Amino acid sequence: MLTRAILILALLAAGCSPRDGGWRQLFNGQDLTGWKMVGPGRFTVENGALKTDGGMGLLVYTGEKFGDTTLRVVYKTVSEHGNSGVFIRLEEIPTDPWYAVHNGYEVQIDAAADDWHATGAIYSLSKAASRAQKPHGEWNTMDIVLRGPVTIVYLNGVKVNEFDPSQAVPERKLWFEPVRGPRPDSGYIGLQNHDAKSVVYFREVSVKEQ
């Protein structure tokens, strides 16, 4: 009994509860503690969820880097063309949102785009294998598994991507597409506010060590 009590106390100290299944919350549901805004626009907190406003900017979690971790975001868009993304594998905390584009990977959120730029795609590098996003106004759960250099994306329980950076990728054709090249196995993460017309809510951002 004493060992169980010690374990529960340790989980609570780490920001988890036993009911969370080991998930540690990075967003406290109240304010932007632990997060830093980079670039135009902002994020606000509305009814316990982060809300994008304007852009193009990036909300970065500054507390630590993540590797060999599963990152979970629970989000919803308010229109079919809602555009956002989850940035991973950032070696440094960006001072400009374009640093994230060219030095990390963006796991895209955009139900209306083509397969290379749709929800679950590693933006312009690895296309989404299926369309699993729910209609706008409904909550989606995206799990991003960081396993060494490999990134695996599940959307609402469906595996939609597995990207190994050693695989061939399309040639870079447009200036806003990410510079090709390796990314670190461990890095900072961030949420994108893409533009003023794209409103996306995030009610959970959590991690679970593997």
C-alpha atoms as a PDB file:
ATOM      1  CA  MET A   1       0.000   0.000   0.000  1.00  0.00           C
ATOM      2  CA  LEU A   2       2.838   2.383   0.825  1.00  0.00           C
ATOM      3  CA  THR A   3       4.475   1.750  -2.557  1.00  0.00           C
ATOM      4  CA  ARG A   4       1.188   2.486  -4.344  1.00  0.00           C
ATOM      5  CA  ALA A   5       0.795   5.719  -2.388  1.00  0.00           C
ATOM      6  CA  ILE A   6       4.315   6.800  -3.305  1.00  0.00           C
ATOM      7  CA  LEU A   7       3.600   6.081  -6.994  1.00  0.00           C
ATOM      8  CA  ILE A   8       0.412   8.143  -6.908  1.00  0.00           C
ATOM      9  CA  LEU A   9       2.225  11.058  -5.287  1.00  0.00           C
ATOM     10  CA  ALA A  10       4.967  10.854  -7.933  1.00  0.00           C
ATOM     11  CA  LEU A  11       2.398  10.946 -10.746  1.00  0.00           C
ATOM     12  CA  LEU A  12       0.650  13.923  -9.219  1.00  0.00           C
ATOM     13  CA  ALA A  13       3.959  15.746  -8.818  1.00  0.00           C
ATOM     14  CA  ALA A  14       4.667  15.169 -12.523  1.00  0.00           C
ATOM     15  CA  GLY A  15       1.346  16.679 -13.535  1.00  0.00           C
ATOM     16  CA  CYS A  16      -0.406  13.346 -14.142  1.00  0.00           C
ATOM     17  CA  SER A  17      -3.155  11.545 -12.342  1.00  0.00           C
ATOM     18  CA  PRO A  18      -3.524   7.748 -12.278  1.00  0.00           C
ATOM     19  CA  ARG A  19      -6.742   8.145 -14.316  1.00  0.00           C
ATOM     20  CA  ASP A  20      -4.782   9.890 -17.089  1.00  0.00           C
ATOM     21  CA  GLY A  21      -3.022   6.660 -18.023  1.00  0.00           C
ATOM     22  CA  GLY A  22       0.370   8.349 -17.705  1.00  0.00           C
ATOM     23  CA  TRP A  23      -0.474  11.404 -19.833  1.00  0.00           C
ATOM     24  CA  ARG A  24       1.146  14.602 -18.570  1.00  0.00           C
ATOM     25  CA  GLN A  25      -0.681  17.802 -19.408  1.00  0.00           C
ATOM     26  CA  LEU A  26       1.347  20.644 -20.954  1.00  0.00           C
ATOM     27  CA  PHE A  27      -1.625  23.024 -21.151  1.00  0.00           C
ATOM     28  CA  ASN A  28      -3.276  23.744 -17.808  1.00  0.00           C
ATOM     29  CA  GLY A  29      -6.625  24.768 -19.285  1.00  0.00           C
ATOM     30  CA  GLN A  30      -6.435  28.240 -17.758  1.00  0.00           C
ATOM     31  CA  ASP A  31      -3.544  30.280 -19.131  1.00  0.00           C
ATOM     32  CA  LEU A  32      -0.326  30.153 -21.181  1.00  0.00           C
ATOM     33  CA  THR A  33       2.015  29.183 -18.355  1.00  0.00           C
ATOM     34  CA  GLY A  34       4.998  27.319 -19.873  1.00  0.00           C
ATOM     35  CA  TRP A  35       4.285  28.582 -23.385  1.00  0.00           C
ATOM     36  CA  LYS A  36       5.808  31.397 -25.442  1.00  0.00           C
ATOM     37  CA  MET A  37       4.288  33.188 -28.431  1.00  0.00           C
ATOM     38  CA  VAL A  38       6.558  33.727 -31.440  1.00  0.00           C
ATOM     39  CA  GLY A  39       5.589  35.878 -34.422  1.00  0.00           C
ATOM     40  CA  PRO A  40       2.279  37.528 -35.376  1.00  0.00           C
ATOM     41  CA  GLY A  41      -1.115  36.747 -33.940  1.00  0.00           C
ATOM     42  CA  ARG A  42      -1.768  35.182 -30.575  1.00  0.00           C
ATOM     43  CA  PHE A  43      -3.425  32.366 -28.677  1.00  0.00           C
ATOM     44  CA  THR A  44      -6.158  33.026 -26.146  1.00  0.00           C
ATOM     45  CA  VAL A  45      -7.872  30.706 -23.688  1.00  0.00           C
ATOM     46  CA  GLU A  46     -11.605  30.287 -24.223  1.00  0.00           C
ATOM     47  CA  ASN A  47     -13.741  27.827 -22.245  1.00  0.00           C
ATOM     48  CA  GLY A  48     -10.670  25.844 -21.205  1.00  0.00           C
ATOM     49  CA  ALA A  49      -9.189  25.587 -24.708  1.00  0.00           C
ATOM     50  CA  LEU A  50      -6.431  27.373 -26.582  1.00  0.00           C
ATOM     51  CA  LYS A  51      -7.821  29.406 -29.493  1.00  0.00           C
ATOM     52  CA  THR A  52      -5.796  30.598 -32.488  1.00  0.00           C
ATOM     53  CA  ASP A  53      -6.060  34.257 -33.437  1.00  0.00           C
ATOM     54  CA  GLY A  54      -4.312  35.768 -36.452  1.00  0.00           C
ATOM     55  CA  GLY A  55      -0.943  34.575 -37.692  1.00  0.00           C
ATOM     56  CA  MET A  56       1.321  33.344 -38.989  1.00  0.00           C
ATOM     57  CA  GLY A  57       2.725  32.644 -35.567  1.00  0.00           C
ATOM     58  CA  LEU A  58       3.738  29.835 -33.262  1.00  0.00           C
ATOM     59  CA  LEU A  59       3.006  29.020 -29.636  1.00  0.00           C
ATOM     60  CA  VAL A  60       6.040  27.122 -28.289  1.00  0.00           C
ATOM     61  CA  TYR A  61       6.212  24.967 -25.171  1.00  0.00           C
ATOM     62  CA  THR A  62       9.452  26.106 -23.542  1.00  0.00           C
ATOM     63  CA  GLY A  63       9.688  23.725 -20.598  1.00  0.00           C
ATOM     64  CA  GLU A  64      11.629  20.889 -22.227  1.00  0.00           C
ATOM     65  CA  LYS A  65      12.477  18.974 -25.363  1.00  0.00           C
ATOM     66  CA  PHE A  66      10.653  15.788 -26.293  1.00  0.00           C
ATOM     67  CA  GLY A  67      11.944  12.593 -27.855  1.00  0.00           C
ATOM     68  CA  ASP A  68      10.799   8.951 -27.677  1.00  0.00           C
ATOM     69  CA  THR A  69       7.471  10.367 -26.590  1.00  0.00           C
ATOM     70  CA  THR A  70       3.862  10.338 -27.704  1.00  0.00           C
ATOM     71  CA  LEU A  71       2.437  13.832 -28.048  1.00  0.00           C
ATOM     72  CA  ARG A  72      -1.362  14.134 -27.956  1.00  0.00           C
ATOM     73  CA  VAL A  73      -3.391  17.120 -29.114  1.00  0.00           C
ATOM     74  CA  VAL A  74      -7.173  17.282 -28.962  1.00  0.00           C
ATOM     75  CA  TYR A  75      -8.415  19.946 -31.360  1.00  0.00           C
ATOM     76  CA  LYS A  76     -11.317  21.128 -33.470  1.00  0.00           C
ATOM     77  CA  THR A  77     -11.649  23.479 -36.425  1.00  0.00           C
ATOM     78  CA  VAL A  78     -14.556  25.878 -36.899  1.00  0.00           C
ATOM     79  CA  SER A  79     -14.624  25.600 -40.693  1.00  0.00           C
ATOM     80  CA  GLU A  80     -13.739  23.092 -43.382  1.00  0.00           C
ATOM     81  CA  HIS A  81     -10.672  25.142 -44.298  1.00  0.00           C
ATOM     82  CA  GLY A  82      -9.320  25.526 -40.761  1.00  0.00           C
ATOM     83  CA  ASN A  83      -5.518  25.477 -41.021  1.00  0.00           C
ATOM     84  CA  SER A  84      -3.010  24.869 -38.241  1.00  0.00           C
ATOM     85  CA  GLY A  85      -0.270  22.431 -37.353  1.00  0.00           C
ATOM     86  CA  VAL A  86       1.806  20.844 -34.628  1.00  0.00           C
ATOM     87  CA  PHE A  87       5.539  21.479 -34.900  1.00  0.00           C
ATOM     88  CA  ILE A  88       7.974  18.899 -33.548  1.00  0.00           C
ATOM     89  CA  ARG A  89      11.732  18.275 -33.379  1.00  0.00           C
ATOM     90  CA  LEU A  90      12.789  21.923 -32.990  1.00  0.00           C
ATOM     91  CA  GLU A  91      16.395  22.014 -31.835  1.00  0.00           C
ATOM     92  CA  GLU A  92      16.050  25.522 -30.396  1.00  0.00           C
ATOM     93  CA  ILE A  93      13.218  27.700 -29.170  1.00  0.00           C
ATOM     94  CA  PRO A  94      12.367  29.745 -32.281  1.00  0.00           C
ATOM     95  CA  THR A  95      12.566  33.510 -32.397  1.00  0.00           C
ATOM     96  CA  ASP A  96      10.689  33.496 -35.726  1.00  0.00           C
ATOM     97  CA  PRO A  97       7.881  31.129 -36.837  1.00  0.00           C
ATOM     98  CA  TRP A  98       9.679  30.421 -40.107  1.00  0.00           C
ATOM     99  CA  TYR A  99      12.528  28.881 -38.126  1.00  0.00           C
ATOM    100  CA  ALA A 100      10.071  26.165 -37.140  1.00  0.00           C
ATOM    101  CA  VAL A 101       9.029  25.578 -40.759  1.00  0.00           C
ATOM    102  CA  HIS A 102      12.589  25.039 -41.956  1.00  0.00           C
ATOM    103  CA  ASN A 103      14.162  23.406 -38.897  1.00  0.00           C
ATOM    104  CA  GLY A 104      11.391  21.176 -37.560  1.00  0.00           C
ATOM    105  CA  TYR A 105       8.572  19.080 -38.963  1.00  0.00           C
ATOM    106  CA  GLU A 106       4.960  20.257 -39.160  1.00  0.00           C
ATOM    107  CA  VAL A 107       2.249  17.688 -38.589  1.00  0.00           C
ATOM    108  CA  GLN A 108      -0.448  19.404 -40.587  1.00  0.00           C
ATOM    109  CA  ILE A 109      -4.038  20.230 -39.645  1.00  0.00           C
ATOM    110  CA  ASP A 110      -6.080  21.084 -42.750  1.00  0.00           C
ATOM    111  CA  ALA A 111      -8.928  18.836 -43.873  1.00  0.00           C
ATOM    112  CA  ALA A 112      -9.324  20.597 -47.240  1.00  0.00           C
ATOM    113  CA  ALA A 113      -5.754  20.296 -48.581  1.00  0.00           C
ATOM    114  CA  ASP A 114      -4.183  17.682 -50.858  1.00  0.00           C
ATOM    115  CA  ASP A 115      -2.621  14.529 -49.404  1.00  0.00           C
ATOM    116  CA  TRP A 116       0.828  16.109 -48.995  1.00  0.00           C
ATOM    117  CA  HIS A 117      -0.619  19.012 -47.004  1.00  0.00           C
ATOM    118  CA  ALA A 118      -3.707  17.481 -45.373  1.00  0.00           C
ATOM    119  CA  THR A 119      -4.306  16.670 -41.739  1.00  0.00           C
ATOM    120  CA  GLY A 120      -1.769  14.085 -40.607  1.00  0.00           C
ATOM    121  CA  ALA A 121       0.757  14.835 -43.344  1.00  0.00           C
ATOM    122  CA  ILE A 122       4.299  15.808 -42.457  1.00  0.00           C
ATOM    123  CA  TYR A 123       3.922  19.017 -44.418  1.00  0.00           C
ATOM    124  CA  SER A 124       5.121  18.469 -48.032  1.00  0.00           C
ATOM    125  CA  LEU A 125       7.415  15.608 -46.942  1.00  0.00           C
ATOM    126  CA  SER A 126       5.170  12.626 -46.211  1.00  0.00           C
ATOM    127  CA  LYS A 127       1.553  12.499 -47.319  1.00  0.00           C
ATOM    128  CA  ALA A 128      -1.442  11.518 -45.215  1.00  0.00           C
ATOM    129  CA  ALA A 129      -2.443   7.926 -45.977  1.00  0.00           C
ATOM    130  CA  SER A 130      -6.125   8.523 -45.203  1.00  0.00           C
ATOM    131  CA  ARG A 131      -8.609  11.249 -44.299  1.00  0.00           C
ATOM    132  CA  ALA A 132      -9.624  10.672 -40.684  1.00  0.00           C
ATOM    133  CA  GLN A 133     -10.462  14.186 -39.473  1.00  0.00           C
ATOM    134  CA  LYS A 134     -14.009  14.660 -38.205  1.00  0.00           C
ATOM    135  CA  PRO A 135     -16.254  17.413 -39.604  1.00  0.00           C
ATOM    136  CA  HIS A 136     -15.544  20.919 -38.385  1.00  0.00           C
ATOM    137  CA  GLY A 137     -16.998  21.634 -34.969  1.00  0.00           C
ATOM    138  CA  GLU A 138     -16.148  18.134 -33.678  1.00  0.00           C
ATOM    139  CA  TRP A 139     -13.158  17.292 -31.478  1.00  0.00           C
ATOM    140  CA  ASN A 140     -10.297  15.232 -32.930  1.00  0.00           C
ATOM    141  CA  THR A 141      -7.531  13.361 -31.141  1.00  0.00           C
ATOM    142  CA  MET A 142      -4.120  13.339 -32.820  1.00  0.00           C
ATOM    143  CA  ASP A 143      -1.329  11.203 -31.370  1.00  0.00           C
ATOM    144  CA  ILE A 144       2.170  11.922 -32.668  1.00  0.00           C
ATOM    145  CA  VAL A 145       4.657   9.183 -31.796  1.00  0.00           C
ATOM    146  CA  LEU A 146       8.319  10.224 -31.745  1.00  0.00           C
ATOM    147  CA  ARG A 147      10.416   7.061 -31.959  1.00  0.00           C
ATOM    148  CA  GLY A 148      14.034   7.950 -32.578  1.00  0.00           C
ATOM    149  CA  PRO A 149      14.050   9.759 -35.949  1.00  0.00           C
ATOM    150  CA  VAL A 150      10.727   8.185 -37.000  1.00  0.00           C
ATOM    151  CA  THR A 151       7.415  10.031 -36.648  1.00  0.00           C
ATOM    152  CA  ILE A 152       4.119   8.118 -36.601  1.00  0.00           C
ATOM    153  CA  VAL A 153       0.778   9.938 -36.653  1.00  0.00           C
ATOM    154  CA  TYR A 154      -2.587   8.569 -35.511  1.00  0.00           C
ATOM    155  CA  LEU A 155      -5.774  10.577 -36.033  1.00  0.00           C
ATOM    156  CA  ASN A 156      -8.888   9.495 -34.150  1.00  0.00           C
ATOM    157  CA  GLY A 157      -7.348   6.040 -33.736  1.00  0.00           C
ATOM    158  CA  VAL A 158      -6.405   5.650 -37.411  1.00  0.00           C
ATOM    159  CA  LYS A 159      -2.751   5.467 -38.441  1.00  0.00           C
ATOM    160  CA  VAL A 160      -2.399   8.143 -41.109  1.00  0.00           C
ATOM    161  CA  ASN A 161       1.377   8.539 -41.453  1.00  0.00           C
ATOM    162  CA  GLU A 162       4.722   6.940 -40.704  1.00  0.00           C
ATOM    163  CA  PHE A 163       7.666   9.058 -41.735  1.00  0.00           C
ATOM    164  CA  ASP A 164      11.252   7.843 -41.683  1.00  0.00           C
ATOM    165  CA  PRO A 165      13.550  10.730 -42.693  1.00  0.00           C
ATOM    166  CA  SER A 166      15.840   8.293 -44.500  1.00  0.00           C
ATOM    167  CA  GLN A 167      13.093   7.749 -47.077  1.00  0.00           C
ATOM    168  CA  ALA A 168      12.943   9.733 -50.312  1.00  0.00           C
ATOM    169  CA  VAL A 169      10.907  12.947 -50.176  1.00  0.00           C
ATOM    170  CA  PRO A 170       9.537  15.180 -52.947  1.00  0.00           C
ATOM    171  CA  GLU A 171      11.736  17.921 -54.325  1.00  0.00           C
ATOM    172  CA  ARG A 172      11.222  21.297 -52.654  1.00  0.00           C
ATOM    173  CA  LYS A 173       9.472  23.561 -55.165  1.00  0.00           C
ATOM    174  CA  LEU A 174       7.976  26.480 -53.217  1.00  0.00           C
ATOM    175  CA  TRP A 175       9.706  28.967 -50.912  1.00  0.00           C
ATOM    176  CA  PHE A 176       7.326  28.308 -48.015  1.00  0.00           C
ATOM    177  CA  GLU A 177       7.890  24.551 -48.041  1.00  0.00           C
ATOM    178  CA  PRO A 178      10.363  23.266 -45.457  1.00  0.00           C
ATOM    179  CA  VAL A 179      14.043  23.003 -46.261  1.00  0.00           C
ATOM    180  CA  ARG A 180      14.873  19.329 -46.675  1.00  0.00           C
ATOM    181  CA  GLY A 181      17.303  17.671 -44.295  1.00  0.00           C
ATOM    182  CA  PRO A 182      17.562  15.844 -40.969  1.00  0.00           C
ATOM    183  CA  ARG A 183      15.954  17.007 -37.747  1.00  0.00           C
ATOM    184  CA  PRO A 184      16.984  16.115 -34.173  1.00  0.00           C
ATOM    185  CA  ASP A 185      15.508  13.066 -32.464  1.00  0.00           C
ATOM    186  CA  SER A 186      14.499  15.295 -29.551  1.00  0.00           C
ATOM    187  CA  GLY A 187      13.237  18.859 -29.716  1.00  0.00           C
ATOM    188  CA  TYR A 188      10.780  21.542 -28.692  1.00  0.00           C
ATOM    189  CA  ILE A 189       7.166  21.502 -29.855  1.00  0.00           C
ATOM    190  CA  GLY A 190       4.736  24.233 -30.894  1.00  0.00           C
ATOM    191  CA  LEU A 191       1.224  24.968 -32.143  1.00  0.00           C
ATOM    192  CA  GLN A 192       0.677  27.094 -35.234  1.00  0.00           C
ATOM    193  CA  ASN A 193      -1.790  29.939 -35.662  1.00  0.00           C
ATOM    194  CA  HIS A 194      -1.836  30.057 -39.447  1.00  0.00           C
ATOM    195  CA  ASP A 195      -3.962  33.046 -40.460  1.00  0.00           C
ATOM    196  CA  ALA A 196      -6.799  35.267 -39.300  1.00  0.00           C
ATOM    197  CA  LYS A 197      -9.467  33.208 -41.114  1.00  0.00           C
ATOM    198  CA  SER A 198      -8.378  29.865 -39.616  1.00  0.00           C
ATOM    199  CA  VAL A 199      -9.725  29.405 -36.101  1.00  0.00           C
ATOM    200  CA  VAL A 200      -8.643  26.209 -34.364  1.00  0.00           C
ATOM    201  CA  TYR A 201      -9.181  25.194 -30.730  1.00  0.00           C
ATOM    202  CA  PHE A 202      -6.885  22.926 -28.690  1.00  0.00           C
ATOM    203  CA  ARG A 203      -8.381  21.661 -25.457  1.00  0.00           C
ATOM    204  CA  GLU A 204      -5.587  19.232 -24.611  1.00  0.00           C
ATOM    205  CA  VAL A 205      -1.849  19.092 -25.225  1.00  0.00           C
ATOM    206  CA  SER A 206      -0.217  16.236 -23.345  1.00  0.00           C
ATOM    207  CA  VAL A 207       2.718  13.836 -23.518  1.00  0.00           C
ATOM    208  CA  LYS A 208       3.351  10.258 -22.522  1.00  0.00           C
ATOM    209  CA  GLU A 209       6.843   8.866 -22.281  1.00  0.00           C
ATOM    210  CA  GLN A 210       7.384   5.562 -24.096  1.00  0.00           C
END
